[in-house]
N, C-alpha and C. Protein backbone atom coordinates (compact mmCIF):
# COMPACT_ATOMS: atom_id res chain seq x y z
N MET A 1 -12.05 46.61 104.18
CA MET A 1 -10.81 46.22 104.08
C MET A 1 -10.55 45.44 102.95
N THR A 2 -9.48 46.05 101.82
CA THR A 2 -9.34 45.36 100.49
C THR A 2 -8.35 44.23 100.84
N ASP A 3 -8.59 43.38 99.95
CA ASP A 3 -7.67 42.22 99.84
C ASP A 3 -6.32 42.72 99.24
N PRO A 4 -5.17 42.19 99.82
CA PRO A 4 -3.92 42.49 98.95
C PRO A 4 -4.03 41.81 97.53
N THR A 5 -3.32 42.54 96.69
CA THR A 5 -3.25 42.01 95.19
C THR A 5 -2.35 40.99 95.09
N PRO A 6 -2.58 39.82 94.49
CA PRO A 6 -1.27 38.65 94.56
C PRO A 6 -0.24 39.04 93.63
N THR A 7 0.69 38.92 94.16
CA THR A 7 2.01 38.98 93.44
C THR A 7 2.31 38.03 92.35
N ASP A 8 3.27 38.13 91.53
CA ASP A 8 3.68 36.85 90.86
C ASP A 8 4.38 35.83 91.85
N PRO A 9 4.00 34.85 91.51
CA PRO A 9 4.58 33.81 92.16
C PRO A 9 6.17 33.57 92.23
N GLN A 10 6.67 33.42 93.36
CA GLN A 10 8.20 33.43 93.08
C GLN A 10 8.31 32.00 92.72
N ARG A 11 9.49 31.94 91.86
CA ARG A 11 9.89 30.50 91.77
C ARG A 11 10.77 30.05 92.73
N PRO A 12 10.75 28.82 93.09
CA PRO A 12 11.31 28.23 94.11
C PRO A 12 12.77 28.26 94.19
N VAL A 13 13.92 28.74 95.05
CA VAL A 13 15.11 28.73 95.19
C VAL A 13 15.73 27.46 95.52
N THR A 14 16.53 26.93 94.43
CA THR A 14 17.09 25.53 94.67
C THR A 14 18.77 25.89 94.45
N PRO A 15 19.13 25.95 95.62
CA PRO A 15 20.77 26.21 95.60
C PRO A 15 21.49 24.85 95.15
N SER A 16 22.51 24.95 94.56
CA SER A 16 23.18 24.04 94.12
C SER A 16 23.94 23.14 95.06
N ARG A 17 24.51 22.33 94.97
CA ARG A 17 24.74 21.17 95.99
C ARG A 17 26.31 22.02 96.52
N ARG A 18 27.15 22.54 95.73
CA ARG A 18 28.04 23.24 96.17
C ARG A 18 27.70 24.47 97.05
N ASP A 19 26.55 25.03 96.78
CA ASP A 19 26.16 26.36 97.68
C ASP A 19 25.60 25.67 99.08
N ARG A 20 24.91 24.42 99.00
CA ARG A 20 24.47 23.65 100.12
C ARG A 20 25.51 23.23 101.08
N LEU A 21 26.77 22.76 100.36
CA LEU A 21 27.75 22.17 101.36
C LEU A 21 28.90 23.04 101.67
N ARG A 22 28.66 24.35 101.29
CA ARG A 22 29.79 25.80 101.72
C ARG A 22 29.86 25.80 103.01
N PRO A 23 28.56 25.97 103.89
CA PRO A 23 28.86 26.12 105.23
C PRO A 23 29.58 24.97 105.98
N LEU A 24 29.37 23.68 105.32
CA LEU A 24 29.92 22.61 106.06
C LEU A 24 31.66 22.56 105.80
N GLU A 25 31.82 23.26 104.71
CA GLU A 25 33.26 23.22 104.24
C GLU A 25 33.89 24.09 105.27
N LEU A 26 33.28 25.23 105.66
CA LEU A 26 33.80 26.20 106.34
C LEU A 26 34.03 25.86 107.78
N ILE A 27 32.78 25.22 108.40
CA ILE A 27 32.90 24.56 109.58
C ILE A 27 34.06 23.32 109.80
N GLY A 28 34.07 22.70 108.89
CA GLY A 28 35.19 21.71 108.65
C GLY A 28 36.56 22.20 108.79
N PHE A 29 36.75 23.39 107.95
CA PHE A 29 38.07 23.98 107.93
C PHE A 29 38.27 24.49 109.36
N ALA A 30 37.34 25.08 109.86
CA ALA A 30 37.49 25.63 111.52
C ALA A 30 37.88 24.55 112.45
N ALA A 31 37.18 23.33 112.11
CA ALA A 31 37.41 22.31 112.94
C ALA A 31 38.83 21.47 112.89
N VAL A 32 39.30 21.42 111.60
CA VAL A 32 40.56 21.06 111.35
C VAL A 32 41.67 21.89 112.05
N LEU A 33 41.51 23.35 112.02
CA LEU A 33 42.64 24.20 112.74
C LEU A 33 42.18 24.16 113.94
N ALA A 34 41.27 23.94 114.82
CA ALA A 34 40.96 23.89 116.20
C ALA A 34 41.64 22.66 116.67
N VAL A 35 41.45 21.39 115.83
CA VAL A 35 42.38 20.20 116.28
C VAL A 35 43.56 20.22 116.37
N PHE A 36 44.21 20.85 115.26
CA PHE A 36 45.73 21.00 115.09
C PHE A 36 46.21 22.19 116.33
N ALA A 37 45.50 23.12 116.48
CA ALA A 37 45.86 23.81 117.71
C ALA A 37 45.79 23.14 119.12
N GLY A 38 44.87 22.49 119.16
CA GLY A 38 44.75 21.53 120.56
C GLY A 38 45.70 20.44 120.27
N LEU A 39 46.34 19.80 119.46
CA LEU A 39 47.27 18.95 119.49
C LEU A 39 48.38 19.63 119.85
N VAL A 40 48.75 20.79 119.32
CA VAL A 40 50.13 21.51 119.53
C VAL A 40 50.21 22.06 120.93
N VAL A 41 48.92 22.37 121.66
CA VAL A 41 49.02 22.85 122.99
C VAL A 41 49.11 21.51 123.74
N LEU A 42 48.49 20.33 123.24
CA LEU A 42 48.67 19.05 124.14
C LEU A 42 50.15 18.62 124.14
N LEU A 43 50.99 18.79 122.89
CA LEU A 43 52.16 18.28 123.01
C LEU A 43 53.11 19.22 123.76
N VAL A 44 52.85 20.59 123.76
CA VAL A 44 53.76 21.47 124.36
C VAL A 44 53.66 21.69 125.78
N LEU A 45 52.43 21.80 126.28
CA LEU A 45 52.36 22.01 127.74
C LEU A 45 51.96 20.72 128.38
N ARG A 46 52.82 20.74 129.49
CA ARG A 46 52.70 19.43 130.47
C ARG A 46 52.42 20.21 131.74
N ASP A 47 52.03 19.22 132.75
CA ASP A 47 51.86 19.74 134.01
C ASP A 47 53.06 19.26 134.85
N GLY A 48 53.05 19.45 136.25
CA GLY A 48 54.35 19.25 136.94
C GLY A 48 54.71 17.70 137.07
N GLN A 49 54.01 17.01 136.68
CA GLN A 49 54.20 15.41 136.63
C GLN A 49 54.67 15.09 135.33
N GLY A 50 54.42 15.73 134.34
CA GLY A 50 54.84 15.68 132.86
C GLY A 50 53.75 15.05 132.18
N LEU A 51 52.51 14.97 132.43
CA LEU A 51 51.28 14.36 131.90
C LEU A 51 50.98 15.88 130.91
N PRO A 52 50.21 15.45 129.92
CA PRO A 52 49.67 16.31 129.01
C PRO A 52 48.56 17.07 129.73
N ASN A 53 48.42 18.44 129.33
CA ASN A 53 47.38 19.15 129.85
C ASN A 53 46.08 19.25 128.92
N PHE A 54 45.02 18.12 129.39
CA PHE A 54 43.98 18.12 128.43
C PHE A 54 43.05 19.15 128.38
N ALA A 55 42.74 20.16 129.70
CA ALA A 55 42.06 21.12 129.82
C ALA A 55 42.31 22.31 129.02
N MET A 56 43.72 22.46 129.19
CA MET A 56 44.35 23.70 128.31
C MET A 56 44.14 23.48 126.78
N ALA A 57 44.40 22.37 126.42
CA ALA A 57 44.22 21.92 124.88
C ALA A 57 42.94 21.83 124.23
N GLY A 58 41.75 21.63 125.29
CA GLY A 58 40.53 21.87 124.79
C GLY A 58 40.19 23.12 124.65
N THR A 59 40.69 24.05 125.74
CA THR A 59 40.22 25.16 125.89
C THR A 59 40.99 26.33 124.44
N ALA A 60 42.22 25.67 124.16
CA ALA A 60 42.79 26.39 122.85
C ALA A 60 42.09 26.06 121.71
N ALA A 61 41.73 24.65 121.61
CA ALA A 61 40.95 24.32 120.62
C ALA A 61 39.61 25.03 120.24
N GLY A 62 38.90 25.15 121.50
CA GLY A 62 37.66 25.84 121.29
C GLY A 62 37.60 27.39 120.87
N ILE A 63 38.78 28.13 121.55
CA ILE A 63 38.82 29.28 120.92
C ILE A 63 39.29 29.57 119.63
N VAL A 64 40.30 28.49 119.11
CA VAL A 64 40.64 28.46 117.71
C VAL A 64 39.64 28.38 116.84
N PHE A 65 38.58 27.37 117.24
CA PHE A 65 37.30 27.23 116.38
C PHE A 65 36.43 28.33 116.31
N ILE A 66 36.32 28.98 117.34
CA ILE A 66 35.23 30.30 117.09
C ILE A 66 35.85 31.26 116.44
N VAL A 67 37.23 31.59 116.68
CA VAL A 67 38.10 32.79 115.99
C VAL A 67 37.97 32.40 114.35
N VAL A 68 38.28 31.37 114.24
CA VAL A 68 38.23 30.88 112.65
C VAL A 68 36.96 31.04 112.20
N LEU A 69 36.04 30.53 112.54
CA LEU A 69 34.43 30.59 112.34
C LEU A 69 34.25 32.38 112.11
N LEU A 70 34.84 33.12 113.13
CA LEU A 70 34.39 34.57 112.95
C LEU A 70 35.09 35.18 111.76
N VAL A 71 36.56 34.80 111.54
CA VAL A 71 37.10 35.11 110.58
C VAL A 71 36.77 34.96 109.17
N VAL A 72 36.30 33.79 108.92
CA VAL A 72 35.85 33.23 107.61
C VAL A 72 34.59 33.83 107.39
N ALA A 73 33.68 34.00 108.56
CA ALA A 73 32.64 34.72 108.20
C ALA A 73 32.72 36.27 107.69
N LEU A 74 33.55 37.00 108.29
CA LEU A 74 34.00 38.30 108.02
C LEU A 74 34.44 38.56 106.67
N VAL A 75 35.29 37.48 106.26
CA VAL A 75 35.86 37.65 104.93
C VAL A 75 35.01 37.24 103.98
N GLY A 76 34.24 36.35 104.24
CA GLY A 76 32.89 36.01 103.43
C GLY A 76 31.97 37.27 102.93
N LEU A 77 31.78 38.17 104.05
CA LEU A 77 30.91 39.32 103.91
C LEU A 77 31.62 40.39 103.22
N GLY A 78 32.97 40.22 103.18
CA GLY A 78 33.61 41.40 102.47
C GLY A 78 33.92 41.42 101.33
N GLY A 79 33.48 40.17 100.62
CA GLY A 79 33.59 39.83 99.00
C GLY A 79 32.47 40.64 98.39
N LYS A 80 33.05 40.54 96.98
CA LYS A 80 32.25 41.09 95.84
C LYS A 80 30.91 40.29 95.76
N PRO A 81 29.89 40.83 95.61
CA PRO A 81 28.52 40.00 95.39
C PRO A 81 28.89 39.48 93.71
N SER A 82 28.21 38.08 93.72
CA SER A 82 28.02 37.41 92.38
C SER A 82 27.01 38.34 91.61
N ALA A 83 27.06 37.90 90.41
CA ALA A 83 25.81 38.53 89.46
C ALA A 83 24.68 37.88 89.68
N GLU A 84 24.52 36.72 90.57
CA GLU A 84 23.18 35.92 90.71
C GLU A 84 22.62 37.00 92.18
N ASP A 85 23.70 37.31 93.05
CA ASP A 85 22.77 37.89 94.03
C ASP A 85 22.54 39.44 93.66
N LEU A 86 23.28 39.98 92.68
CA LEU A 86 22.98 41.28 92.30
C LEU A 86 21.65 41.32 91.70
N GLU A 87 21.44 40.02 90.81
CA GLU A 87 19.94 39.69 90.45
C GLU A 87 18.90 39.80 91.23
N ALA A 88 19.21 38.80 92.55
CA ALA A 88 18.29 38.76 93.34
C ALA A 88 17.89 40.13 94.02
N ARG A 89 18.78 40.91 94.15
CA ARG A 89 18.66 42.27 95.00
C ARG A 89 17.76 43.02 94.34
N LYS A 90 17.50 43.08 92.82
CA LYS A 90 16.69 43.47 92.41
C LYS A 90 15.19 43.48 92.46
N ASP A 91 14.95 42.29 93.18
CA ASP A 91 13.43 42.11 93.65
C ASP A 91 13.14 42.94 94.79
N LEU A 92 14.10 43.51 95.64
CA LEU A 92 14.31 44.12 96.98
C LEU A 92 13.64 45.58 96.70
N ARG A 93 13.68 46.09 95.33
CA ARG A 93 13.72 47.43 95.15
C ARG A 93 12.16 47.94 95.09
N SER A 94 11.75 48.95 95.47
CA SER A 94 10.46 49.47 95.39
C SER A 94 9.99 49.34 93.97
N PRO A 95 8.73 49.20 93.97
CA PRO A 95 7.93 49.16 92.43
C PRO A 95 8.14 50.28 91.54
N GLY A 96 8.57 51.42 92.14
CA GLY A 96 8.44 52.66 91.30
C GLY A 96 9.86 52.76 90.97
N GLU A 97 10.95 52.11 91.42
CA GLU A 97 12.25 52.20 91.37
C GLU A 97 12.88 51.72 90.21
N SER A 98 13.30 52.10 89.25
CA SER A 98 13.85 51.43 87.95
C SER A 98 15.40 51.34 88.27
N ASP A 99 16.02 50.55 87.17
CA ASP A 99 17.49 50.17 87.15
C ASP A 99 18.40 51.37 87.33
N GLY A 100 17.81 52.62 86.33
CA GLY A 100 18.76 53.57 86.17
C GLY A 100 18.40 54.58 87.09
N ASP A 101 17.56 54.34 88.22
CA ASP A 101 17.24 55.47 89.18
C ASP A 101 18.18 55.53 90.10
N GLU A 102 18.82 56.72 90.54
CA GLU A 102 20.02 56.93 91.37
C GLU A 102 19.50 57.16 92.93
N ARG A 103 18.25 56.81 93.36
CA ARG A 103 17.79 57.46 94.57
C ARG A 103 18.56 56.76 95.72
N LYS A 104 18.83 57.46 96.59
CA LYS A 104 19.79 57.03 97.68
C LYS A 104 18.68 56.56 98.81
N ASP A 105 17.52 56.96 99.04
CA ASP A 105 16.64 56.22 99.85
C ASP A 105 15.77 55.32 99.61
N SER A 106 16.32 54.38 99.84
CA SER A 106 15.41 52.97 99.61
C SER A 106 14.48 52.62 100.14
N TRP A 107 13.48 51.73 100.01
CA TRP A 107 12.31 51.60 100.67
C TRP A 107 12.45 50.41 101.70
N HIS A 108 13.52 49.89 101.62
CA HIS A 108 13.59 48.62 102.53
C HIS A 108 14.88 48.98 103.60
């Protein structure tokens, strides 16, 4: 059996601080909207004795959190890839494939 030929060493990927904090920003945005929805439900819904309904407020906050995360993720997937992403995708092409090649059957 032959040993695989060593490829060019990949340079380490070091994302910027903004790229590293982006997921936390999105989760924080979803959390803020969930807290807002929970507070609205807490202030609006009362039980028979006039006490706030904490179970319903928690349920509403959880649902809003999940829905906002899903919507933000889907919107993020629908965006146009940046020039850096397009440059990184060039490495995924097969070795015989050139930039001008219009082949539809990709090897990956």
